[in-house]
Each structure stands twice: as structure tokens, then as C-alpha cells.
Amino acid sequence: MNKINLQIKRARPAKPWRSRGYTIIETMIAISIFLVVVMIGMGALLNANLIQQKSQNMRSIMDNLSFIMEDMSRNLRTGSAYVSSSVSEISFETATGEQWAYKIESGNIDKSTDGGTIWVNLNPVGEIIIDETVSGFSVIGAEPPPPGDSQQPFVTIRLVGNITYKDIVTPFSLQTSVSQRLLDR
């Protein structure tokens, strides 16, 4: 009789909940894990996009600053009769004979094309703050040359300050040197 009972127990089918596949709980766990992975990926993607936008805007501001430096360099290179009344101001005669001037004042770079009567701000207000204590113009050889002097007038422009964009402050330091294109007389 013992043999027959054992055979009957073995012939019984397996439990029904084990043979049907995935349960709702297993499906919910799989979906939850998938959603967590997708959310982490989306967070990383959105963060990378935000960082890219900020760096693009900072690059745009730096390009504006580089354009200002290039404009000053080009005008000084073709000009003559440099006069630097202070470290923060330089005036000169352009190739067309006009009196132009640049000055660094109140954290801004200003330009005058009428001899210093009207000044126009060159840098974006609030985004770029120029440090007046470190920035300026250095002029060498602008005085009338003695006989036998072969040194051309030489101007060094130095801009140091901070760029502020969306509460992020980034320091910068730019410097360029320009020599007069016309021969010294």
C-alpha cells in the first residue's frame, strides 16, 4: 500500500501558480527597475544639456570680449600719435585723421570717436566687469623718436575681470600687444 500512495503523489500536477509564467509582482518590479534606469538616464541627459547651454553662453560672452580686444588692436595698429594720459585711458589719431580714445572706467570699456566728448560702452553691462586696478594700457615709444631710434610705438592692452552669467562668476585675463603699422617719424 505504501508503494501505491507514493505513485499517486508523484502523478499529481505541479502547483498552478508556478507553471503559468510571470506574475504581476514580477512584472511591476521589472517595470520599476526600467523606469529608474530611464529616469537616471534622462536626468543625466538634461544635466548635460544644461551644462552645454551654459558653456555656449559663456563662450558667446568670451567671443564678445575677444571682438572688443580685436577692434581695439586693429584701430591702434593703424593709428598713430598715441597718448596715454593714465593707465586706464589711451587716445590716438586714426588712419583717417580722427581722434579716437579708449578708457576703462567703472568696470566697463568705453570708446570715443570724437576726441573724448561722447563715450560708448563696448562690453555688455552686468555680464563683464573689468578690474580697473589690474587692467589698462601700457604705451612704450610713443614720444617723438630721437635720431636713430628704430623702435615703433608699442601698446599692450590688458583686460582682467569677471564674467557673471546666471550667478556663476568666471574670472578672465586677456592681453595683447600692438605695434604701430606706420613707420615712426
Protein backbone atom coordinates (compact mmCIF):
# COMPACT_ATOMS: atom_id res chain seq x y z
CA MET A 1 0.00 0.00 0.00
CA ASN A 2 2.85 2.36 0.58
CA LYS A 3 4.04 1.95 -2.95
CA ILE A 4 0.72 2.94 -4.43
CA ASN A 5 0.42 6.09 -2.34
CA LEU A 6 3.84 7.26 -3.46
CA GLN A 7 2.94 6.80 -7.06
CA ILE A 8 -0.23 8.78 -6.66
CA LYS A 9 1.63 11.66 -5.04
CA ARG A 10 4.08 11.79 -7.91
CA ALA A 11 1.37 11.77 -10.52
CA ARG A 12 -0.21 14.94 -9.14
CA PRO A 13 0.35 18.02 -11.33
CA ALA A 14 2.63 20.85 -10.16
CA LYS A 15 1.17 23.82 -8.32
CA PRO A 16 -0.75 26.02 -10.77
CA TRP A 17 0.92 29.36 -9.82
CA ARG A 18 4.38 28.01 -10.66
CA SER A 19 3.69 26.91 -14.21
CA ARG A 20 1.94 29.97 -15.68
CA GLY A 21 4.91 32.38 -16.26
CA TYR A 22 5.40 35.90 -14.81
CA THR A 23 3.28 37.21 -12.01
CA ILE A 24 2.03 40.77 -11.68
CA ILE A 25 4.58 41.48 -8.94
CA GLU A 26 7.47 40.32 -11.13
CA THR A 27 6.21 42.49 -13.98
CA MET A 28 5.84 45.50 -11.68
CA ILE A 29 9.39 45.04 -10.35
CA ALA A 30 10.78 44.80 -13.89
CA ILE A 31 8.91 47.94 -14.96
CA SER A 32 10.05 49.79 -11.82
CA ILE A 33 13.70 48.92 -12.46
CA PHE A 34 13.31 50.01 -16.10
CA LEU A 35 11.74 53.33 -15.04
CA VAL A 36 14.52 54.01 -12.51
CA VAL A 37 17.17 53.40 -15.19
CA VAL A 38 15.31 55.63 -17.69
CA MET A 39 14.88 58.41 -15.11
CA ILE A 40 18.60 58.35 -14.24
CA GLY A 41 19.44 58.48 -17.95
CA MET A 42 17.04 61.38 -18.56
CA GLY A 43 18.46 63.26 -15.57
CA ALA A 44 21.99 62.85 -16.92
CA LEU A 45 20.87 63.94 -20.40
CA LEU A 46 19.08 67.04 -19.10
CA ASN A 47 22.05 67.95 -16.90
CA ALA A 48 24.44 67.59 -19.85
CA ASN A 49 22.15 69.80 -21.95
CA LEU A 50 22.09 72.48 -19.22
CA ILE A 51 25.87 72.43 -18.92
CA GLN A 52 26.20 72.71 -22.70
CA GLN A 53 23.88 75.74 -22.80
CA LYS A 54 25.82 77.47 -20.02
CA SER A 55 29.15 76.82 -21.71
CA GLN A 56 27.74 78.07 -25.03
CA ASN A 57 26.55 81.30 -23.39
CA MET A 58 29.91 81.76 -21.65
CA ARG A 59 31.64 81.19 -24.98
CA SER A 60 29.43 83.85 -26.57
CA ILE A 61 30.40 86.36 -23.87
CA MET A 62 34.10 85.50 -24.31
CA ASP A 63 33.71 85.93 -28.08
CA ASN A 64 32.27 89.41 -27.48
CA LEU A 65 35.23 90.25 -25.27
CA SER A 66 37.67 88.92 -27.87
CA PHE A 67 35.92 91.02 -30.52
CA ILE A 68 36.38 94.13 -28.36
CA MET A 69 40.10 93.33 -28.00
CA GLU A 70 40.41 92.75 -31.75
CA ASP A 71 38.64 96.05 -32.52
CA MET A 72 40.95 97.97 -30.19
CA SER A 73 44.02 96.21 -31.61
CA ARG A 74 43.08 96.88 -35.23
CA ASN A 75 42.34 100.55 -34.60
CA LEU A 76 45.52 101.08 -32.56
CA ARG A 77 47.66 99.24 -35.12
CA THR A 78 46.56 101.52 -37.97
CA GLY A 79 46.64 104.65 -35.79
CA SER A 80 49.46 106.92 -34.69
CA ALA A 81 50.30 109.62 -32.14
CA TYR A 82 49.43 107.52 -29.10
CA VAL A 83 48.81 109.45 -25.89
CA SER A 84 48.24 107.59 -22.65
CA SER A 85 47.15 110.11 -20.03
CA SER A 86 46.74 107.31 -17.47
CA VAL A 87 46.96 103.53 -17.35
CA SER A 88 43.22 103.26 -17.91
CA GLU A 89 42.97 105.57 -20.95
CA ILE A 90 44.59 105.87 -24.37
CA SER A 91 43.91 108.27 -27.23
CA PHE A 92 45.32 108.22 -30.74
CA GLU A 93 44.89 109.52 -34.25
CA THR A 94 43.26 107.07 -36.67
CA ALA A 95 44.44 106.44 -40.22
CA THR A 96 41.74 108.88 -41.40
CA GLY A 97 42.96 111.65 -39.06
CA GLU A 98 40.21 111.43 -36.41
CA GLN A 99 40.91 111.46 -32.67
CA TRP A 100 39.75 108.23 -31.02
CA ALA A 101 40.11 107.10 -27.43
CA TYR A 102 39.51 104.06 -25.25
CA LYS A 103 39.15 104.05 -21.49
CA ILE A 104 38.45 101.55 -18.74
CA GLU A 105 36.11 103.06 -16.19
CA SER A 106 33.51 101.76 -13.72
CA GLY A 107 34.12 98.16 -14.80
CA ASN A 108 33.45 98.94 -18.47
CA ILE A 109 35.41 99.54 -21.66
CA ASP A 110 34.37 102.78 -23.35
CA LYS A 111 35.19 104.12 -26.81
CA SER A 112 35.09 107.66 -28.16
CA THR A 113 35.34 108.50 -31.86
CA ASP A 114 35.09 112.28 -31.41
CA GLY A 115 38.11 113.09 -29.27
CA GLY A 116 36.54 112.20 -25.92
CA THR A 117 33.26 114.11 -25.96
CA ILE A 118 30.86 111.17 -26.32
CA TRP A 119 31.73 107.74 -24.90
CA VAL A 120 30.09 104.47 -25.97
CA ASN A 121 30.17 101.37 -23.76
CA LEU A 122 31.62 98.38 -25.65
CA ASN A 123 31.05 95.49 -23.25
CA PRO A 124 27.63 94.10 -22.20
CA VAL A 125 26.52 95.82 -19.00
CA GLY A 126 26.40 93.50 -16.00
CA GLU A 127 27.91 90.46 -17.72
CA ILE A 128 31.53 91.60 -17.92
CA ILE A 129 33.12 93.52 -15.06
CA ILE A 130 36.62 94.84 -15.79
CA ASP A 131 39.00 95.17 -12.83
CA GLU A 132 40.38 98.70 -13.23
CA THR A 133 43.24 98.14 -10.77
CA VAL A 134 44.87 95.48 -12.97
CA SER A 135 43.56 96.30 -16.47
CA GLY A 136 44.88 99.07 -18.64
CA PHE A 137 47.03 100.30 -21.50
CA SER A 138 50.82 100.39 -21.47
CA VAL A 139 52.48 102.53 -24.15
CA ILE A 140 56.18 102.32 -24.99
CA GLY A 141 57.93 104.56 -27.52
CA ALA A 142 55.04 106.94 -28.20
CA GLU A 143 57.13 110.07 -27.62
CA PRO A 144 58.83 111.64 -30.65
CA PRO A 145 61.76 109.41 -31.53
CA PRO A 146 65.31 110.64 -31.15
CA PRO A 147 67.50 110.34 -34.24
CA GLY A 148 68.48 106.75 -34.91
CA ASP A 149 65.58 105.26 -32.91
CA SER A 150 64.19 102.25 -34.75
CA GLN A 151 61.61 101.21 -32.14
CA GLN A 152 58.00 101.55 -33.20
CA PRO A 153 55.40 102.70 -30.67
CA PHE A 154 54.14 99.64 -28.83
CA VAL A 155 50.86 99.30 -26.89
CA THR A 156 49.99 96.47 -24.51
CA ILE A 157 46.30 96.06 -23.71
CA ARG A 158 45.47 94.06 -20.59
CA LEU A 159 41.93 93.21 -19.53
CA VAL A 160 41.32 91.36 -16.26
CA GLY A 161 37.94 90.87 -14.66
CA ASN A 162 34.97 88.60 -14.10
CA ILE A 163 32.16 87.33 -16.28
CA THR A 164 28.89 86.89 -14.41
CA TYR A 165 26.25 84.69 -16.00
CA LYS A 166 23.30 83.28 -14.03
CA ASP A 167 25.06 83.68 -10.68
CA ILE A 168 28.19 81.94 -11.97
CA VAL A 169 31.30 84.12 -11.77
CA THR A 170 34.16 83.21 -14.10
CA PRO A 171 37.44 85.13 -13.96
CA PHE A 172 39.25 86.02 -17.18
CA SER A 173 42.52 87.61 -18.20
CA LEU A 174 43.27 88.78 -21.74
CA GLN A 175 46.34 90.57 -23.00
CA THR A 176 47.50 91.60 -26.43
CA SER A 177 50.28 93.78 -27.76
CA VAL A 178 50.11 96.04 -30.80
CA SER A 179 52.79 97.97 -32.63
CA GLN A 180 52.10 100.93 -34.87
CA ARG A 181 51.94 99.95 -38.53
CA LEU A 182 53.15 103.32 -39.88
CA LEU A 183 56.86 103.96 -39.63
CA ASP A 184 57.92 106.22 -36.79
CA ARG A 185 58.96 109.69 -37.98
